[in-house]
Amino acid sequence: VKNLTVRNIYQNLGSSPNATDTIGAGSVDISIADNLTNVSVHNNTLTGAKVGVGGNFENRTWSGVNISNNIITDHCWGIAVAGGDNMDSSATGVTIHNNTITNWTNWQCPANANYCNDKLDDTYHTDGIITWSTNAPGMPVYAPQIYNNYIYGDLGNGSATGFIYCTVGDPISNNVPGSECQVFNNLLVDTSANGHTLLWFGKQTENNRVYNNTIIGVSTTSSFGPCILSSSLGGDDYRNNICSTWSRIFSTEWTNADPEAFISTLDYNDLYNIGSLTISSPGGSHTLEQWAMDMSQTHNITGNPILSA
């Protein structure tokens, strides 16, 4: 599926304070589903729908699905790839790369809109790339490669989730991880006034690999999010990333475990202009110095990466 221009499948009015749009919740510019082998969605220009590129492998088997080089604007979810909540879903060789994603204005919750005062009641939660699956014991773990994407802008008010959000479906059975995302070489740039989490790994993910990304925030104050938020089962590996202008380095939620239970490696990163150089969870907190001492990971730096001339 290539070289298409798809415009205004559904023009949402979420930027209006009086908006109550829900009708467009099922709209998708390009949708792929069923059992798939060697499918590519690339070089398309997409504007105006709930989802830009949507893929669903619930109860299906995928092998070799590539979503790349698309320009995606004015969506709630730029790219959404999901195995749903069924334990019989399987996808291998999924790559999402070299896409440009921006502009969530019409899909956000205005500050004074009645229908989205509580995040639990939001009609839409905004994301750049969102991907999830639930796997059964013995099936291949869902491990999409997400790389070379440029995602920038403002996720908006209400329930903004992340520029890249890797999570799992519900219900979770037997504590089998649903995803092991491989996220590398992405440029994520927040331009909002309020600040958002740009990279988030949800509950029941595991062994996420995060290399060579540049993640630029907007503030170092405590009310703004960390560079990386993860609620995984553990084994996450963060190396060679630049985190610039955040309140803190890393945090997690939904658990009382110590950060060491989640992160196997946090090393060789440039952590510049960070309000508090801490790695924290509800169960404990490490300063960067303590982390280096306890984990023997001593190659993080805090110098200016000089990202612009």
Protein backbone atom coordinates (compact mmCIF):
# COMPACT_ATOMS: atom_id res chain seq x y z
CA VAL A 1 0.00 0.00 0.00
CA LYS A 2 2.00 2.99 -1.20
CA ASN A 3 2.01 6.54 -2.52
CA LEU A 4 -1.56 7.35 -1.46
CA THR A 5 -2.90 10.66 -0.20
CA VAL A 6 -5.83 10.14 2.17
CA ARG A 7 -7.50 13.24 3.59
CA ASN A 8 -10.32 14.01 6.00
CA ILE A 9 -11.87 10.58 6.49
CA TYR A 10 -13.17 12.15 9.69
CA GLN A 11 -12.63 15.76 10.73
CA ASN A 12 -12.81 15.76 14.50
CA LEU A 13 -13.74 18.90 16.44
CA GLY A 14 -11.85 18.16 19.62
CA SER A 15 -10.13 21.54 19.57
CA SER A 16 -13.48 23.21 20.31
CA PRO A 17 -14.43 23.65 24.00
CA ASN A 18 -17.97 22.47 23.21
CA ALA A 19 -16.93 19.40 21.23
CA THR A 20 -18.49 16.04 22.10
CA ASP A 21 -17.18 14.08 19.13
CA THR A 22 -17.30 10.30 19.44
CA ILE A 23 -18.57 9.36 15.98
CA GLY A 24 -15.10 9.30 14.45
CA ALA A 25 -13.70 6.81 16.97
CA GLY A 26 -13.63 4.02 14.37
CA SER A 27 -12.16 5.99 11.47
CA VAL A 28 -8.87 4.81 9.91
CA ASP A 29 -7.03 6.05 6.84
CA ILE A 30 -5.30 2.75 6.02
CA SER A 31 -6.28 -0.45 7.82
CA ILE A 32 -4.55 -3.83 7.55
CA ALA A 33 -5.82 -7.04 9.13
CA ASP A 34 -6.26 -10.80 8.68
CA ASN A 35 -3.34 -13.23 8.31
CA LEU A 36 -0.53 -11.29 6.63
CA THR A 37 2.87 -12.11 5.18
CA ASN A 38 5.29 -9.54 3.71
CA VAL A 39 2.98 -6.53 3.70
CA SER A 40 4.29 -2.97 3.38
CA VAL A 41 2.51 0.36 3.97
CA HIS A 42 4.85 3.13 2.86
CA ASN A 43 5.23 6.61 1.36
CA ASN A 44 1.65 7.65 2.06
CA THR A 45 0.43 11.09 3.16
CA LEU A 46 -2.41 10.81 5.68
CA THR A 47 -4.50 13.53 7.30
CA GLY A 48 -7.66 13.54 9.39
CA ALA A 49 -8.89 10.31 11.04
CA LYS A 50 -8.81 8.63 14.45
CA VAL A 51 -5.94 6.40 13.19
CA GLY A 52 -3.49 7.01 10.35
CA VAL A 53 -2.25 3.43 9.82
CA GLY A 54 -4.10 0.80 11.83
CA GLY A 55 -3.16 -2.87 12.01
CA ASN A 56 -4.93 -5.63 13.92
CA PHE A 57 -3.60 -9.17 14.28
CA GLU A 58 -6.02 -10.36 16.97
CA ASN A 59 -6.67 -14.09 16.38
CA ARG A 60 -4.33 -13.84 13.41
CA THR A 61 -0.69 -14.48 12.45
CA TRP A 62 1.57 -11.83 10.92
CA SER A 63 5.02 -12.27 9.46
CA GLY A 64 6.95 -9.39 7.93
CA VAL A 65 4.79 -6.25 8.22
CA ASN A 66 6.50 -2.95 7.42
CA ILE A 67 5.05 0.55 8.03
CA SER A 68 7.49 3.19 6.83
CA ASN A 69 8.13 6.59 5.27
CA ASN A 70 4.61 7.88 5.85
CA ILE A 71 3.71 11.49 6.70
CA ILE A 72 0.90 11.39 9.27
CA THR A 73 -0.85 14.48 10.67
CA ASP A 74 -4.13 15.29 12.48
CA HIS A 75 -4.83 11.91 14.08
CA CYS A 76 -5.47 10.68 17.59
CA TRP A 77 -3.13 7.74 16.94
CA GLY A 78 -0.66 8.13 14.10
CA ILE A 79 0.12 4.41 13.91
CA ALA A 80 -1.68 1.75 15.94
CA VAL A 81 -0.67 -1.92 15.71
CA ALA A 82 -2.47 -4.31 18.03
CA GLY A 83 -2.81 -7.99 18.80
CA GLY A 84 -5.87 -7.23 20.86
CA ASP A 85 -6.72 -9.14 24.01
CA ASN A 86 -6.75 -12.65 22.58
CA MET A 87 -4.00 -15.08 23.52
CA ASP A 88 -3.88 -16.54 20.00
CA SER A 89 -2.43 -13.42 18.38
CA SER A 90 1.07 -13.65 16.86
CA ALA A 91 3.20 -11.15 14.92
CA THR A 92 6.86 -11.43 13.98
CA GLY A 93 8.99 -9.15 11.84
CA VAL A 94 6.95 -5.99 12.50
CA THR A 95 8.89 -2.80 11.66
CA ILE A 96 7.69 0.80 12.06
CA HIS A 97 10.29 3.22 10.77
CA ASN A 98 11.09 6.52 9.03
CA ASN A 99 7.64 7.96 9.63
CA THR A 100 6.90 11.61 10.46
CA ILE A 101 3.99 12.08 12.90
CA THR A 102 2.59 15.32 14.33
CA ASN A 103 -0.52 17.42 15.17
CA TRP A 104 -3.08 16.08 17.69
CA THR A 105 -4.94 19.39 18.06
CA ASN A 106 -8.34 18.18 16.87
CA TRP A 107 -8.21 14.96 18.91
CA GLN A 108 -7.27 16.35 22.30
CA CYS A 109 -9.49 17.34 25.18
CA PRO A 110 -9.93 21.09 25.59
CA ALA A 111 -9.30 22.17 29.17
CA ASN A 112 -12.94 23.11 29.81
CA ALA A 113 -14.69 20.38 27.80
CA ASN A 114 -17.31 18.60 29.91
CA TYR A 115 -16.69 15.15 28.44
CA CYS A 116 -13.01 14.87 29.34
CA ASN A 117 -12.50 16.34 32.79
CA ASP A 118 -11.46 12.91 34.10
CA LYS A 119 -8.82 10.92 32.24
CA LEU A 120 -10.89 7.77 32.79
CA ASP A 121 -13.73 9.32 30.79
CA ASP A 122 -11.72 10.80 27.94
CA THR A 123 -13.10 9.99 24.53
CA TYR A 124 -9.61 9.82 23.06
CA HIS A 125 -6.10 9.38 24.42
CA THR A 126 -3.49 10.71 22.06
CA ASP A 127 -0.39 8.85 20.84
CA GLY A 128 2.13 8.98 18.03
CA ILE A 129 2.77 5.23 17.79
CA ILE A 130 0.81 2.84 20.01
CA THR A 131 1.33 -0.90 19.88
CA TRP A 132 0.20 -3.79 22.06
CA SER A 133 -0.40 -7.52 22.17
CA THR A 134 -1.05 -10.38 24.56
CA ASN A 135 0.79 -13.62 23.95
CA ALA A 136 0.22 -17.18 25.07
CA PRO A 137 2.95 -19.40 26.54
CA GLY A 138 4.99 -20.96 23.76
CA MET A 139 4.11 -18.31 21.17
CA PRO A 140 6.70 -15.86 19.79
CA VAL A 141 6.93 -12.75 21.95
CA TYR A 142 5.72 -9.67 20.11
CA ALA A 143 8.89 -7.58 19.58
CA PRO A 144 8.26 -4.78 17.07
CA GLN A 145 11.17 -2.67 15.86
CA ILE A 146 10.37 1.06 16.04
CA TYR A 147 13.14 3.19 14.59
CA ASN A 148 14.14 6.31 12.63
CA ASN A 149 10.79 8.01 13.29
CA TYR A 150 10.44 11.76 13.79
CA ILE A 151 7.56 12.58 16.13
CA TYR A 152 7.06 16.12 17.33
CA GLY A 153 4.47 18.56 18.63
CA ASP A 154 1.90 18.72 21.43
CA LEU A 155 -0.19 15.70 22.45
CA GLY A 156 -2.71 18.11 23.97
CA ASN A 157 -4.89 18.20 27.07
CA GLY A 158 -6.70 15.29 28.62
CA SER A 159 -5.33 11.77 28.47
CA ALA A 160 -2.15 12.23 26.45
CA THR A 161 -0.15 8.99 26.60
CA GLY A 162 3.08 9.12 24.59
CA PHE A 163 4.80 9.71 21.29
CA ILE A 164 5.74 6.03 21.46
CA TYR A 165 3.59 3.85 23.74
CA CYS A 166 4.38 0.15 23.91
CA THR A 167 1.99 -1.85 26.09
CA VAL A 168 -0.15 -5.00 26.20
CA GLY A 169 -3.78 -6.01 25.90
CA ASP A 170 -6.13 -7.13 28.66
CA PRO A 171 -6.80 -9.45 30.31
CA ILE A 172 -3.30 -10.57 31.27
CA SER A 173 -2.97 -14.31 31.84
CA ASN A 174 -0.15 -16.23 33.54
CA ASN A 175 2.05 -13.12 33.68
CA VAL A 176 3.18 -13.77 30.11
CA PRO A 177 4.65 -10.54 28.71
CA GLY A 178 2.79 -9.14 25.76
CA SER A 179 5.53 -7.03 24.19
CA GLU A 180 9.29 -6.55 24.07
CA CYS A 181 9.67 -3.36 22.06
CA GLN A 182 12.90 -2.41 20.32
CA VAL A 183 13.01 1.39 20.05
CA PHE A 184 16.04 3.01 18.44
CA ASN A 185 17.25 6.02 16.42
CA ASN A 186 14.02 8.00 16.93
CA LEU A 187 13.80 11.78 17.33
CA LEU A 188 11.04 12.78 19.77
CA VAL A 189 10.50 16.51 20.36
CA ASP A 190 7.86 17.91 22.73
CA THR A 191 6.72 21.45 21.86
CA SER A 192 3.83 21.68 24.35
CA ALA A 193 3.34 24.17 27.15
CA ASN A 194 2.43 21.52 29.72
CA GLY A 195 4.90 18.75 28.92
CA HIS A 196 4.15 15.11 28.17
CA THR A 197 5.72 11.71 28.48
CA LEU A 198 7.17 10.89 25.08
CA LEU A 199 8.37 7.32 25.62
CA TRP A 200 6.26 4.97 27.76
CA PHE A 201 6.40 1.20 28.30
CA GLY A 202 3.20 -0.12 29.82
CA LYS A 203 2.46 -2.88 32.29
CA GLN A 204 3.45 -6.44 31.38
CA THR A 205 5.98 -5.40 28.76
CA GLU A 206 9.43 -6.80 29.34
CA ASN A 207 13.03 -6.61 28.11
CA ASN A 208 12.47 -3.42 26.14
CA ARG A 209 15.51 -2.22 24.18
CA VAL A 210 15.98 1.56 23.88
CA TYR A 211 19.06 2.71 21.97
CA ASN A 212 20.29 5.87 20.22
CA ASN A 213 17.12 7.95 20.66
CA THR A 214 17.01 11.72 21.13
CA ILE A 215 14.19 12.73 23.49
CA ILE A 216 13.70 16.46 24.00
CA GLY A 217 11.37 17.85 26.67
CA VAL A 218 10.19 21.33 27.61
CA SER A 219 10.86 21.81 31.34
CA THR A 220 12.99 20.66 34.27
CA THR A 221 10.39 21.35 36.98
CA SER A 222 8.92 18.54 39.07
CA SER A 223 5.42 18.90 37.61
CA PHE A 224 6.68 17.68 34.23
CA GLY A 225 7.32 14.07 33.33
CA PRO A 226 10.47 11.98 33.20
CA CYS A 227 12.42 11.34 30.04
CA ILE A 228 11.33 7.66 30.14
CA LEU A 229 8.33 6.14 31.93
CA SER A 230 8.12 2.36 32.27
CA SER A 231 5.88 -0.05 34.16
CA SER A 232 7.42 -3.17 32.64
CA LEU A 233 8.10 -6.49 34.30
CA GLY A 234 11.82 -5.78 34.05
CA GLY A 235 14.91 -6.28 31.94
CA ASP A 236 14.72 -2.89 30.18
CA ASP A 237 17.97 -1.75 28.54
CA TYR A 238 18.59 1.99 27.94
CA ARG A 239 21.83 2.93 26.17
CA ASN A 240 23.27 5.69 23.97
CA ASN A 241 20.20 7.95 24.30
CA ILE A 242 20.08 11.72 24.68
CA CYS A 243 17.56 12.99 27.22
CA SER A 244 17.42 16.78 27.25
CA THR A 245 15.30 19.08 29.47
CA TRP A 246 13.28 16.81 31.75
CA SER A 247 12.34 16.86 35.43
CA ARG A 248 14.08 13.50 36.02
CA ILE A 249 15.63 10.62 34.13
CA PHE A 250 13.33 7.66 34.65
CA SER A 251 10.32 6.68 36.72
CA THR A 252 7.77 3.91 36.96
CA GLU A 253 4.33 3.41 38.47
CA TRP A 254 1.75 0.73 39.43
CA THR A 255 4.29 -1.11 41.58
CA ASN A 256 6.33 -0.73 44.74
CA ALA A 257 9.49 -2.37 43.43
CA ASP A 258 12.88 -0.71 43.38
CA PRO A 259 14.11 0.70 40.02
CA GLU A 260 16.78 -2.00 39.91
CA ALA A 261 13.97 -4.52 39.45
CA PHE A 262 13.01 -2.87 36.15
CA ILE A 263 16.22 -1.73 34.52
CA SER A 264 19.04 -4.06 33.58
CA THR A 265 21.10 -1.30 31.93
CA LEU A 266 21.03 2.50 32.06
CA ASP A 267 24.41 3.46 30.67
CA TYR A 268 26.24 5.49 28.00
CA ASN A 269 23.43 8.08 27.91
CA ASP A 270 23.72 11.87 27.76
CA LEU A 271 21.36 13.21 30.45
CA TYR A 272 21.45 16.95 29.91
CA ASN A 273 19.52 19.73 31.65
CA ILE A 274 17.63 17.35 33.97
CA GLY A 275 15.93 18.88 37.01
CA SER A 276 16.73 15.96 39.30
CA LEU A 277 19.20 13.28 38.24
CA THR A 278 17.15 10.45 39.76
CA ILE A 279 15.90 7.03 38.74
CA SER A 280 12.75 6.55 40.76
CA SER A 281 9.78 4.33 41.50
CA PRO A 282 7.21 4.16 44.33
CA GLY A 283 9.52 1.58 45.91
CA GLY A 284 12.72 3.59 45.91
CA SER A 285 14.93 6.13 44.23
CA HIS A 286 18.55 6.32 43.09
CA THR A 287 20.59 9.34 42.23
CA LEU A 288 22.64 8.93 39.09
CA GLU A 289 25.74 8.65 41.29
CA GLN A 290 24.16 5.90 43.41
CA TRP A 291 23.05 4.06 40.28
CA ALA A 292 26.56 4.09 38.87
CA MET A 293 27.94 2.76 42.15
CA ASP A 294 25.29 0.07 42.74
CA MET A 295 24.98 -1.15 39.16
CA SER A 296 28.57 -0.55 37.95
CA GLN A 297 27.20 1.50 35.05
CA THR A 298 29.44 4.54 35.05
CA HIS A 299 29.35 5.88 31.50
CA ASN A 300 26.39 8.26 31.62
CA ILE A 301 27.27 11.91 31.06
CA THR A 302 25.46 15.22 31.60
CA GLY A 303 27.13 17.47 29.04
CA ASN A 304 25.40 19.66 26.46
CA PRO A 305 24.83 17.52 23.34
CA ILE A 306 24.64 20.72 21.23
CA LEU A 307 21.60 19.60 19.28
CA SER A 308 21.19 22.86 17.32
CA ALA A 309 23.72 25.19 15.76
